[in-house]
Amino acid sequence: MNYIKYFITFLITFLAPISNALIAILFLIGADLIMGLIAARKVKEKITSNKLSKTLIKILVYEILVISSLYQKLAENYNKIIN
């Protein structure tokens, strides 16, 4: 059980510098989802789970890109320190 607590603490600590960006991305994707649902309702388009699953993929891709850019920045700084 302690491993889970340590892992969650690590994630919170590691992602703290970019937490605002991650939250903003979630907010903007949520707004995109709501606008898409409203537009689909206006044109009487059928809303399916397949189309909604694209939102989950979008969240995963965007969040992973932001987190990986943090890794890249940390690696660059580490490289500068070593050299």
Protein backbone atom coordinates (compact mmCIF):
# COMPACT_ATOMS: atom_id res chain seq x y z
CA MET A 1 0.00 0.00 0.00
CA ASN A 2 2.91 2.34 0.68
CA TYR A 3 4.07 1.94 -2.92
CA ILE A 4 0.82 3.41 -4.18
CA LYS A 5 1.14 6.35 -1.83
CA TYR A 6 4.75 6.93 -2.93
CA PHE A 7 3.78 6.72 -6.60
CA ILE A 8 0.93 9.21 -6.19
CA THR A 9 3.24 11.55 -4.27
CA PHE A 10 5.82 11.26 -7.06
CA LEU A 11 3.23 12.05 -9.72
CA ILE A 12 1.92 15.07 -7.85
CA THR A 13 5.43 16.37 -7.26
CA PHE A 14 6.58 15.72 -10.82
CA LEU A 15 3.52 17.21 -12.50
CA ALA A 16 3.15 20.22 -10.18
CA PRO A 17 5.11 22.61 -12.45
CA ILE A 18 2.78 21.94 -15.38
CA SER A 19 -0.47 21.34 -13.52
CA ASN A 20 -1.97 24.61 -14.78
CA ALA A 21 -1.27 23.63 -18.39
CA LEU A 22 -2.78 20.17 -17.87
CA ILE A 23 -5.91 21.65 -16.30
CA ALA A 24 -6.23 24.22 -19.09
CA ILE A 25 -6.00 21.48 -21.71
CA LEU A 26 -8.74 19.49 -19.96
CA PHE A 27 -10.92 22.60 -19.77
CA LEU A 28 -10.44 23.42 -23.47
CA ILE A 29 -11.10 19.85 -24.59
CA GLY A 30 -14.23 19.84 -22.42
CA ALA A 31 -15.37 23.06 -24.10
CA ASP A 32 -14.64 21.50 -27.50
CA LEU A 33 -16.74 18.47 -26.54
CA ILE A 34 -19.66 20.61 -25.42
CA MET A 35 -19.54 22.72 -28.59
CA GLY A 36 -19.40 19.55 -30.70
CA LEU A 37 -22.42 18.11 -28.92
CA ILE A 38 -24.36 21.33 -29.42
CA ALA A 39 -23.43 21.44 -33.11
CA ALA A 40 -24.40 17.78 -33.59
CA ARG A 41 -27.73 18.40 -31.91
CA LYS A 42 -28.44 21.40 -34.17
CA VAL A 43 -27.91 19.39 -37.35
CA LYS A 44 -29.69 16.37 -35.79
CA GLU A 45 -26.61 14.17 -36.13
CA LYS A 46 -26.58 10.95 -34.14
CA ILE A 47 -24.15 11.03 -31.21
CA THR A 48 -22.37 7.72 -30.73
CA SER A 49 -19.87 6.43 -28.21
CA ASN A 50 -17.38 5.97 -31.05
CA LYS A 51 -17.40 9.69 -31.71
CA LEU A 52 -17.20 10.49 -28.00
CA SER A 53 -14.22 8.17 -27.59
CA LYS A 54 -12.24 10.52 -29.82
CA THR A 55 -12.36 13.00 -26.95
CA LEU A 56 -10.60 10.52 -24.66
CA ILE A 57 -7.94 9.94 -27.29
CA LYS A 58 -7.52 13.69 -27.68
CA ILE A 59 -7.09 14.11 -23.91
CA LEU A 60 -4.49 11.34 -23.74
CA VAL A 61 -2.49 12.62 -26.71
CA TYR A 62 -2.43 16.26 -25.60
CA GLU A 63 -1.60 15.46 -21.99
CA ILE A 64 1.17 13.04 -23.02
CA LEU A 65 2.63 15.68 -25.35
CA VAL A 66 2.75 18.26 -22.58
CA ILE A 67 4.28 15.81 -20.11
CA SER A 68 6.85 14.60 -22.66
CA SER A 69 7.85 18.19 -23.39
CA LEU A 70 8.57 18.55 -19.69
CA TYR A 71 10.74 15.41 -19.84
CA GLN A 72 12.58 16.84 -22.82
CA LYS A 73 13.22 20.12 -21.03
CA LEU A 74 14.49 18.28 -17.96
CA ALA A 75 16.77 16.14 -20.14
CA GLU A 76 18.19 19.24 -21.85
CA ASN A 77 18.91 20.87 -18.50
CA TYR A 78 20.50 17.66 -17.22
CA ASN A 79 22.67 17.50 -20.35
CA LYS A 80 23.85 21.07 -19.79
CA ILE A 81 24.81 20.23 -16.21
CA ILE A 82 26.77 17.13 -17.22
CA ASN A 83 28.64 18.77 -20.08
